[in-house]
PDB file of N, CA and C in Angstrom:
ATOM      1  N   MET A   1       0.838  -1.184   0.000  1.00  0.00           N
ATOM      2  CA  MET A   1       0.000   0.000   0.000  1.00  0.00           C
ATOM      3  C   MET A   1       0.883   1.248   0.000  1.00  0.00           C
ATOM      4  N   GLU A   2       0.607   2.135  -0.923  1.00  0.00           N
ATOM      5  CA  GLU A   2       1.411   3.349  -1.044  1.00  0.00           C
ATOM      6  C   GLU A   2       0.826   4.454  -0.174  1.00  0.00           C
ATOM      7  N   GLN A   3       1.699   5.113   0.599  1.00  0.00           N
ATOM      8  CA  GLN A   3       1.247   6.213   1.449  1.00  0.00           C
ATOM      9  C   GLN A   3       1.159   7.492   0.644  1.00  0.00           C
ATOM     10  N   GLU A   4       0.167   8.295   0.994  1.00  0.00           N
ATOM     11  CA  GLU A   4      -0.014   9.572   0.324  1.00  0.00           C
ATOM     12  C   GLU A   4       1.003  10.580   0.852  1.00  0.00           C
ATOM     13  N   ARG A   5       1.482  11.422  -0.024  1.00  0.00           N
ATOM     14  CA  ARG A   5       2.471  12.433   0.332  1.00  0.00           C
ATOM     15  C   ARG A   5       1.845  13.489   1.247  1.00  0.00           C
ATOM     16  N   LEU A   6       2.558  13.840   2.310  1.00  0.00           N
ATOM     17  CA  LEU A   6       2.109  14.886   3.223  1.00  0.00           C
ATOM     18  C   LEU A   6       2.694  16.211   2.768  1.00  0.00           C
ATOM     19  N   LEU A   7       1.846  17.239   2.722  1.00  0.00           N
ATOM     20  CA  LEU A   7       2.247  18.550   2.233  1.00  0.00           C
ATOM     21  C   LEU A   7       2.107  19.600   3.316  1.00  0.00           C
ATOM     22  N   SER A   8       3.013  20.559   3.310  1.00  0.00           N
ATOM     23  CA  SER A   8       2.883  21.706   4.208  1.00  0.00           C
ATOM     24  C   SER A   8       1.837  22.648   3.614  1.00  0.00           C
ATOM     25  N   PRO A   9       1.298  23.568   4.409  1.00  0.00           N
ATOM     26  CA  PRO A   9       0.360  24.556   3.851  1.00  0.00           C
ATOM     27  C   PRO A   9       0.973  25.324   2.677  1.00  0.00           C
ATOM     28  N   LYS A  10       2.263  25.627   2.748  1.00  0.00           N
ATOM     29  CA  LYS A  10       2.924  26.350   1.654  1.00  0.00           C
ATOM     30  C   LYS A  10       2.973  25.494   0.394  1.00  0.00           C
ATOM     31  N   GLN A  11       3.316  24.214   0.533  1.00  0.00           N
ATOM     32  CA  GLN A  11       3.382  23.336  -0.627  1.00  0.00           C
ATOM     33  C   GLN A  11       2.009  23.181  -1.281  1.00  0.00           C
ATOM     34  N   LEU A  12       0.970  22.964  -0.460  1.00  0.00           N
ATOM     35  CA  LEU A  12      -0.378  22.825  -1.004  1.00  0.00           C
ATOM     36  C   LEU A  12      -0.818  24.118  -1.682  1.00  0.00           C
ATOM     37  N   SER A  13      -0.478  25.254  -1.083  1.00  0.00           N
ATOM     38  CA  SER A  13      -0.884  26.538  -1.667  1.00  0.00           C
ATOM     39  C   SER A  13      -0.273  26.733  -3.048  1.00  0.00           C
ATOM     40  N   GLU A  14       0.965  26.285  -3.246  1.00  0.00           N
ATOM     41  CA  GLU A  14       1.619  26.400  -4.549  1.00  0.00           C
ATOM     42  C   GLU A  14       0.945  25.507  -5.593  1.00  0.00           C
ATOM     43  N   ILE A  15       0.436  24.362  -5.161  1.00  0.00           N
ATOM     44  CA  ILE A  15      -0.215  23.428  -6.078  1.00  0.00           C
ATOM     45  C   ILE A  15      -1.599  23.925  -6.481  1.00  0.00           C
ATOM     46  N   VAL A  16      -2.376  24.427  -5.499  1.00  0.00           N
ATOM     47  CA  VAL A  16      -3.775  24.767  -5.770  1.00  0.00           C
ATOM     48  C   VAL A  16      -3.995  26.241  -6.105  1.00  0.00           C
ATOM     49  N   GLY A  17      -2.987  27.083  -5.919  1.00  0.00           N
ATOM     50  CA  GLY A  17      -3.110  28.480  -6.311  1.00  0.00           C
ATOM     51  C   GLY A  17      -3.715  29.407  -5.272  1.00  0.00           C
ATOM     52  N   LEU A  18      -3.703  29.001  -4.019  1.00  0.00           N
ATOM     53  CA  LEU A  18      -4.130  29.880  -2.929  1.00  0.00           C
ATOM     54  C   LEU A  18      -2.900  30.300  -2.142  1.00  0.00           C
ATOM     55  N   SER A  19      -3.060  31.296  -1.279  1.00  0.00           N
ATOM     56  CA  SER A  19      -1.934  31.696  -0.442  1.00  0.00           C
ATOM     57  C   SER A  19      -1.838  30.745   0.754  1.00  0.00           C
ATOM     58  N   PRO A  20      -0.646  30.627   1.349  1.00  0.00           N
ATOM     59  CA  PRO A  20      -0.525  29.799   2.563  1.00  0.00           C
ATOM     60  C   PRO A  20      -1.463  30.273   3.675  1.00  0.00           C
ATOM     61  N   ALA A  21      -1.684  31.585   3.762  1.00  0.00           N
ATOM     62  CA  ALA A  21      -2.587  32.127   4.795  1.00  0.00           C
ATOM     63  C   ALA A  21      -4.022  31.647   4.555  1.00  0.00           C
ATOM     64  N   GLN A  22      -4.444  31.573   3.303  1.00  0.00           N
ATOM     65  CA  GLN A  22      -5.793  31.084   2.998  1.00  0.00           C
ATOM     66  C   GLN A  22      -5.923  29.606   3.355  1.00  0.00           C
ATOM     67  N   ILE A  23      -4.886  28.838   3.090  1.00  0.00           N
ATOM     68  CA  ILE A  23      -4.893  27.410   3.448  1.00  0.00           C
ATOM     69  C   ILE A  23      -4.983  27.261   4.959  1.00  0.00           C
ATOM     70  N   ARG A  24      -4.161  28.022   5.689  1.00  0.00           N
ATOM     71  CA  ARG A  24      -4.193  27.947   7.159  1.00  0.00           C
ATOM     72  C   ARG A  24      -5.545  28.379   7.708  1.00  0.00           C
ATOM     73  N   ALA A  25      -6.174  29.380   7.100  1.00  0.00           N
ATOM     74  CA  ALA A  25      -7.496  29.825   7.553  1.00  0.00           C
ATOM     75  C   ALA A  25      -8.529  28.714   7.377  1.00  0.00           C
ATOM     76  N   LEU A  26      -8.476  27.997   6.264  1.00  0.00           N
ATOM     77  CA  LEU A  26      -9.383  26.868   6.043  1.00  0.00           C
ATOM     78  C   LEU A  26      -9.142  25.769   7.073  1.00  0.00           C
ATOM     79  N   MET A  27      -7.883  25.545   7.423  1.00  0.00           N
ATOM     80  CA  MET A  27      -7.551  24.553   8.449  1.00  0.00           C
ATOM     81  C   MET A  27      -8.090  24.997   9.803  1.00  0.00           C
ATOM     82  N   ASN A  28      -7.888  26.265  10.142  1.00  0.00           N
ATOM     83  CA  ASN A  28      -8.331  26.786  11.434  1.00  0.00           C
ATOM     84  C   ASN A  28      -9.850  26.790  11.569  1.00  0.00           C
ATOM     85  N   ASP A  29     -10.554  26.985  10.444  1.00  0.00           N
ATOM     86  CA  ASP A  29     -12.020  26.967  10.448  1.00  0.00           C
ATOM     87  C   ASP A  29     -12.578  25.552  10.524  1.00  0.00           C
ATOM     88  N   GLY A  30     -11.714  24.559  10.341  1.00  0.00           N
ATOM     89  CA  GLY A  30     -12.160  23.174  10.350  1.00  0.00           C
ATOM     90  C   GLY A  30     -12.744  22.737   9.021  1.00  0.00           C
ATOM     91  N   ARG A  31     -12.565  23.524   7.979  1.00  0.00           N
ATOM     92  CA  ARG A  31     -13.111  23.191   6.660  1.00  0.00           C
ATOM     93  C   ARG A  31     -12.164  22.311   5.861  1.00  0.00           C
ATOM     94  N   LEU A  32     -10.874  22.368   6.165  1.00  0.00           N
ATOM     95  CA  LEU A  32      -9.862  21.592   5.451  1.00  0.00           C
ATOM     96  C   LEU A  32      -9.175  20.679   6.453  1.00  0.00           C
ATOM     97  N   GLU A  33      -9.288  19.377   6.226  1.00  0.00           N
ATOM     98  CA  GLU A  33      -8.714  18.420   7.184  1.00  0.00           C
ATOM     99  C   GLU A  33      -7.197  18.395   7.068  1.00  0.00           C
ATOM    100  N   PHE A  34      -6.548  18.085   8.175  1.00  0.00           N
ATOM    101  CA  PHE A  34      -5.095  18.028   8.215  1.00  0.00           C
ATOM    102  C   PHE A  34      -4.657  16.987   9.225  1.00  0.00           C
ATOM    103  N   ILE A  35      -3.387  16.657   9.195  1.00  0.00           N
ATOM    104  CA  ILE A  35      -2.782  15.716  10.136  1.00  0.00           C
ATOM    105  C   ILE A  35      -1.863  16.523  11.039  1.00  0.00           C
ATOM    106  N   ALA A  36      -2.082  16.446  12.340  1.00  0.00           N
ATOM    107  CA  ALA A  36      -1.240  17.155  13.300  1.00  0.00           C
ATOM    108  C   ALA A  36      -0.048  16.264  13.651  1.00  0.00           C
ATOM    109  N   ILE A  37       1.128  16.666  13.201  1.00  0.00           N
ATOM    110  CA  ILE A  37       2.357  15.929  13.504  1.00  0.00           C
ATOM    111  C   ILE A  37       2.808  16.280  14.915  1.00  0.00           C
ATOM    112  N   SER A  38       2.725  17.555  15.248  1.00  0.00           N
ATOM    113  CA  SER A  38       2.995  18.055  16.598  1.00  0.00           C
ATOM    114  C   SER A  38       2.097  19.266  16.798  1.00  0.00           C
ATOM    115  N   SER A  39       2.242  19.953  17.922  1.00  0.00           N
ATOM    116  CA  SER A  39       1.372  21.105  18.178  1.00  0.00           C
ATOM    117  C   SER A  39       1.589  22.227  17.162  1.00  0.00           C
ATOM    118  N   LYS A  40       2.772  22.307  16.580  1.00  0.00           N
ATOM    119  CA  LYS A  40       3.067  23.356  15.608  1.00  0.00           C
ATOM    120  C   LYS A  40       3.128  22.867  14.168  1.00  0.00           C
ATOM    121  N   THR A  41       3.264  21.581  13.968  1.00  0.00           N
ATOM    122  CA  THR A  41       3.443  21.038  12.623  1.00  0.00           C
ATOM    123  C   THR A  41       2.178  20.329  12.167  1.00  0.00           C
ATOM    124  N   LYS A  42       1.583  20.851  11.092  1.00  0.00           N
ATOM    125  CA  LYS A  42       0.383  20.270  10.510  1.00  0.00           C
ATOM    126  C   LYS A  42       0.638  20.008   9.038  1.00  0.00           C
ATOM    127  N   ARG A  43       0.170  18.865   8.551  1.00  0.00           N
ATOM    128  CA  ARG A  43       0.374  18.496   7.160  1.00  0.00           C
ATOM    129  C   ARG A  43      -0.964  18.163   6.507  1.00  0.00           C
ATOM    130  N   LEU A  44      -0.999  18.358   5.194  1.00  0.00           N
ATOM    131  CA  LEU A  44      -2.212  18.146   4.424  1.00  0.00           C
ATOM    132  C   LEU A  44      -1.969  17.098   3.350  1.00  0.00           C
ATOM    133  N   THR A  45      -3.057  16.599   2.771  1.00  0.00           N
ATOM    134  CA  THR A  45      -2.955  15.650   1.670  1.00  0.00           C
ATOM    135  C   THR A  45      -3.795  16.156   0.500  1.00  0.00           C
ATOM    136  N   MET A  46      -3.472  15.691  -0.683  1.00  0.00           N
ATOM    137  CA  MET A  46      -4.264  16.064  -1.862  1.00  0.00           C
ATOM    138  C   MET A  46      -5.665  15.468  -1.775  1.00  0.00           C
ATOM    139  N   SER A  47      -5.804  14.284  -1.198  1.00  0.00           N
ATOM    140  CA  SER A  47      -7.145  13.704  -1.072  1.00  0.00           C
ATOM    141  C   SER A  47      -7.994  14.539  -0.115  1.00  0.00           C
ATOM    142  N   GLY A  48      -7.377  15.103   0.916  1.00  0.00           N
ATOM    143  CA  GLY A  48      -8.103  16.008   1.812  1.00  0.00           C
ATOM    144  C   GLY A  48      -8.549  17.268   1.085  1.00  0.00           C
ATOM    145  N   TRP A  49      -7.682  17.795   0.211  1.00  0.00           N
ATOM    146  CA  TRP A  49      -8.035  18.970  -0.579  1.00  0.00           C
ATOM    147  C   TRP A  49      -9.197  18.640  -1.533  1.00  0.00           C
ATOM    148  N   GLU A  50      -9.147  17.462  -2.151  1.00  0.00           N
ATOM    149  CA  GLU A  50     -10.213  17.061  -3.073  1.00  0.00           C
ATOM    150  C   GLU A  50     -11.547  16.914  -2.344  1.00  0.00           C
ATOM    151  N   ARG A  51     -11.523  16.371  -1.117  1.00  0.00           N
ATOM    152  CA  ARG A  51     -12.757  16.264  -0.321  1.00  0.00           C
ATOM    153  C   ARG A  51     -13.276  17.653   0.029  1.00  0.00           C
ATOM    154  N   PHE A  52     -12.367  18.570   0.372  1.00  0.00           N
ATOM    155  CA  PHE A  52     -12.779  19.944   0.670  1.00  0.00           C
ATOM    156  C   PHE A  52     -13.469  20.557  -0.548  1.00  0.00           C
ATOM    157  N   GLN A  53     -12.874  20.411  -1.725  1.00  0.00           N
ATOM    158  CA  GLN A  53     -13.462  20.965  -2.948  1.00  0.00           C
ATOM    159  C   GLN A  53     -14.840  20.377  -3.210  1.00  0.00           C
ATOM    160  N   LYS A  54     -14.964  19.072  -3.038  1.00  0.00           N
ATOM    161  CA  LYS A  54     -16.252  18.418  -3.281  1.00  0.00           C
ATOM    162  C   LYS A  54     -17.314  18.936  -2.323  1.00  0.00           C
ATOM    163  N   ASN A  55     -16.968  19.084  -1.045  1.00  0.00           N
ATOM    164  CA  ASN A  55     -17.926  19.551  -0.047  1.00  0.00           C
ATOM    165  C   ASN A  55     -18.223  21.043  -0.184  1.00  0.00           C
ATOM    166  N   ALA A  56     -17.270  21.816  -0.666  1.00  0.00           N
ATOM    167  CA  ALA A  56     -17.442  23.262  -0.757  1.00  0.00           C
ATOM    168  C   ALA A  56     -18.112  23.696  -2.052  1.00  0.00           C
ATOM    169  N   THR A  57     -18.177  22.807  -3.031  1.00  0.00           N
ATOM    170  CA  THR A  57     -18.755  23.154  -4.325  1.00  0.00           C
ATOM    171  C   THR A  57     -20.274  23.117  -4.234  1.00  0.00           C
ATOM    172  N   LYS A  58     -20.889  24.225  -4.600  1.00  0.00           N
ATOM    173  CA  LYS A  58     -22.347  24.335  -4.594  1.00  0.00           C
ATOM    174  C   LYS A  58     -22.838  24.293  -6.026  1.00  0.00           C
ATOM    175  N   VAL A  59     -23.838  23.460  -6.270  1.00  0.00           N
ATOM    176  CA  VAL A  59     -24.411  23.339  -7.602  1.00  0.00           C
ATOM    177  C   VAL A  59     -25.861  23.804  -7.520  1.00  0.00           C
ATOM    178  N   LYS A  60     -26.188  24.752  -8.361  1.00  0.00           N
ATOM    179  CA  LYS A  60     -27.549  25.255  -8.399  1.00  0.00           C
ATOM    180  C   LYS A  60     -28.426  24.200  -9.064  1.00  0.00           C
ATOM    181  N   SER A  61     -29.509  23.812  -8.402  1.00  0.00           N
ATOM    182  CA  SER A  61     -30.362  22.761  -8.966  1.00  0.00           C
ATOM    183  C   SER A  61     -31.286  23.334 -10.036  1.00  0.00           C
ATOM    184  N   CYS A  62     -31.691  22.500 -10.955  1.00  0.00           N
ATOM    185  CA  CYS A  62     -32.591  22.906 -12.035  1.00  0.00           C
ATOM    186  C   CYS A  62     -33.941  23.311 -11.472  1.00  0.00           C
ATOM    187  N   GLU A  63     -34.382  22.647 -10.407  1.00  0.00           N
ATOM    188  CA  GLU A  63     -35.682  22.938  -9.812  1.00  0.00           C
ATOM    189  C   GLU A  63     -35.737  24.368  -9.271  1.00  0.00           C
ATOM    190  N   SER A  64     -34.670  24.826  -8.644  1.00  0.00           N
ATOM    191  CA  SER A  64     -34.658  26.189  -8.112  1.00  0.00           C
ATOM    192  C   SER A  64     -34.648  27.208  -9.238  1.00  0.00           C
ATOM    193  N   GLU A  65     -34.032  26.868 -10.383  1.00  0.00           N
ATOM    194  CA  GLU A  65     -34.031  27.769 -11.532  1.00  0.00           C
ATOM    195  C   GLU A  65     -35.434  27.898 -12.115  1.00  0.00           C
ATOM    196  N   ILE A  66     -36.173  26.781 -12.179  1.00  0.00           N
ATOM    197  CA  ILE A  66     -37.539  26.793 -12.699  1.00  0.00           C
ATOM    198  C   ILE A  66     -38.434  27.610 -11.789  1.00  0.00           C
ATOM    199  N   THR A  67     -38.287  27.429 -10.468  1.00  0.00           N
ATOM    200  CA  THR A  67     -39.095  28.164  -9.498  1.00  0.00           C
ATOM    201  C   THR A  67     -38.805  29.661  -9.586  1.00  0.00           C
ATOM    202  N   ALA A  68     -37.548  30.022  -9.756  1.00  0.00           N
ATOM    203  CA  ALA A  68     -37.175  31.423  -9.845  1.00  0.00           C
ATOM    204  C   ALA A  68     -37.705  32.062 -11.127  1.00  0.00           C
ATOM    205  N   ALA A  69     -37.810  31.279 -12.206  1.00  0.00           N
ATOM    206  CA  ALA A  69     -38.292  31.808 -13.480  1.00  0.00           C
ATOM    207  C   ALA A  69     -39.797  32.064 -13.454  1.00  0.00           C
ATOM    208  N   ASN A  70     -40.528  31.337 -12.622  1.00  0.00           N
ATOM    209  CA  ASN A  70     -41.990  31.499 -12.552  1.00  0.00           C
ATOM    210  C   ASN A  70     -42.318  32.550 -11.607  1.00  0.00           C
TER     211      ASN A  70
END
Protein backbone atom coordinates (compact mmCIF):
# COMPACT_ATOMS: atom_id res chain seq x y z
CA MET A 1 0.00 0.00 0.00
CA GLU A 2 1.41 3.35 -1.04
CA GLN A 3 1.25 6.21 1.45
CA GLU A 4 -0.01 9.57 0.32
CA ARG A 5 2.47 12.43 0.33
CA LEU A 6 2.11 14.89 3.22
CA LEU A 7 2.25 18.55 2.23
CA SER A 8 2.88 21.71 4.21
CA PRO A 9 0.36 24.56 3.85
CA LYS A 10 2.92 26.35 1.65
CA GLN A 11 3.38 23.34 -0.63
CA LEU A 12 -0.38 22.83 -1.00
CA SER A 13 -0.88 26.54 -1.67
CA GLU A 14 1.62 26.40 -4.55
CA ILE A 15 -0.21 23.43 -6.08
CA VAL A 16 -3.78 24.77 -5.77
CA GLY A 17 -3.11 28.48 -6.31
CA LEU A 18 -4.13 29.88 -2.93
CA SER A 19 -1.93 31.70 -0.44
CA PRO A 20 -0.53 29.80 2.56
CA ALA A 21 -2.59 32.13 4.79
CA GLN A 22 -5.79 31.08 3.00
CA ILE A 23 -4.89 27.41 3.45
CA ARG A 24 -4.19 27.95 7.16
CA ALA A 25 -7.50 29.83 7.55
CA LEU A 26 -9.38 26.87 6.04
CA MET A 27 -7.55 24.55 8.45
CA ASN A 28 -8.33 26.79 11.43
CA ASP A 29 -12.02 26.97 10.45
CA GLY A 30 -12.16 23.17 10.35
CA ARG A 31 -13.11 23.19 6.66
CA LEU A 32 -9.86 21.59 5.45
CA GLU A 33 -8.71 18.42 7.18
CA PHE A 34 -5.09 18.03 8.21
CA ILE A 35 -2.78 15.72 10.14
CA ALA A 36 -1.24 17.16 13.30
CA ILE A 37 2.36 15.93 13.50
CA SER A 38 3.00 18.05 16.60
CA SER A 39 1.37 21.10 18.18
CA LYS A 40 3.07 23.36 15.61
CA THR A 41 3.44 21.04 12.62
CA LYS A 42 0.38 20.27 10.51
CA ARG A 43 0.37 18.50 7.16
CA LEU A 44 -2.21 18.15 4.42
CA THR A 45 -2.96 15.65 1.67
CA MET A 46 -4.26 16.06 -1.86
CA SER A 47 -7.14 13.70 -1.07
CA GLY A 48 -8.10 16.01 1.81
CA TRP A 49 -8.03 18.97 -0.58
CA GLU A 50 -10.21 17.06 -3.07
CA ARG A 51 -12.76 16.26 -0.32
CA PHE A 52 -12.78 19.94 0.67
CA GLN A 53 -13.46 20.96 -2.95
CA LYS A 54 -16.25 18.42 -3.28
CA ASN A 55 -17.93 19.55 -0.05
CA ALA A 56 -17.44 23.26 -0.76
CA THR A 57 -18.76 23.15 -4.33
CA LYS A 58 -22.35 24.33 -4.59
CA VAL A 59 -24.41 23.34 -7.60
CA LYS A 60 -27.55 25.25 -8.40
CA SER A 61 -30.36 22.76 -8.97
CA CYS A 62 -32.59 22.91 -12.04
CA GLU A 63 -35.68 22.94 -9.81
CA SER A 64 -34.66 26.19 -8.11
CA GLU A 65 -34.03 27.77 -11.53
CA ILE A 66 -37.54 26.79 -12.70
CA THR A 67 -39.09 28.16 -9.50
CA ALA A 68 -37.18 31.42 -9.85
CA ALA A 69 -38.29 31.81 -13.48
CA ASN A 70 -41.99 31.50 -12.55
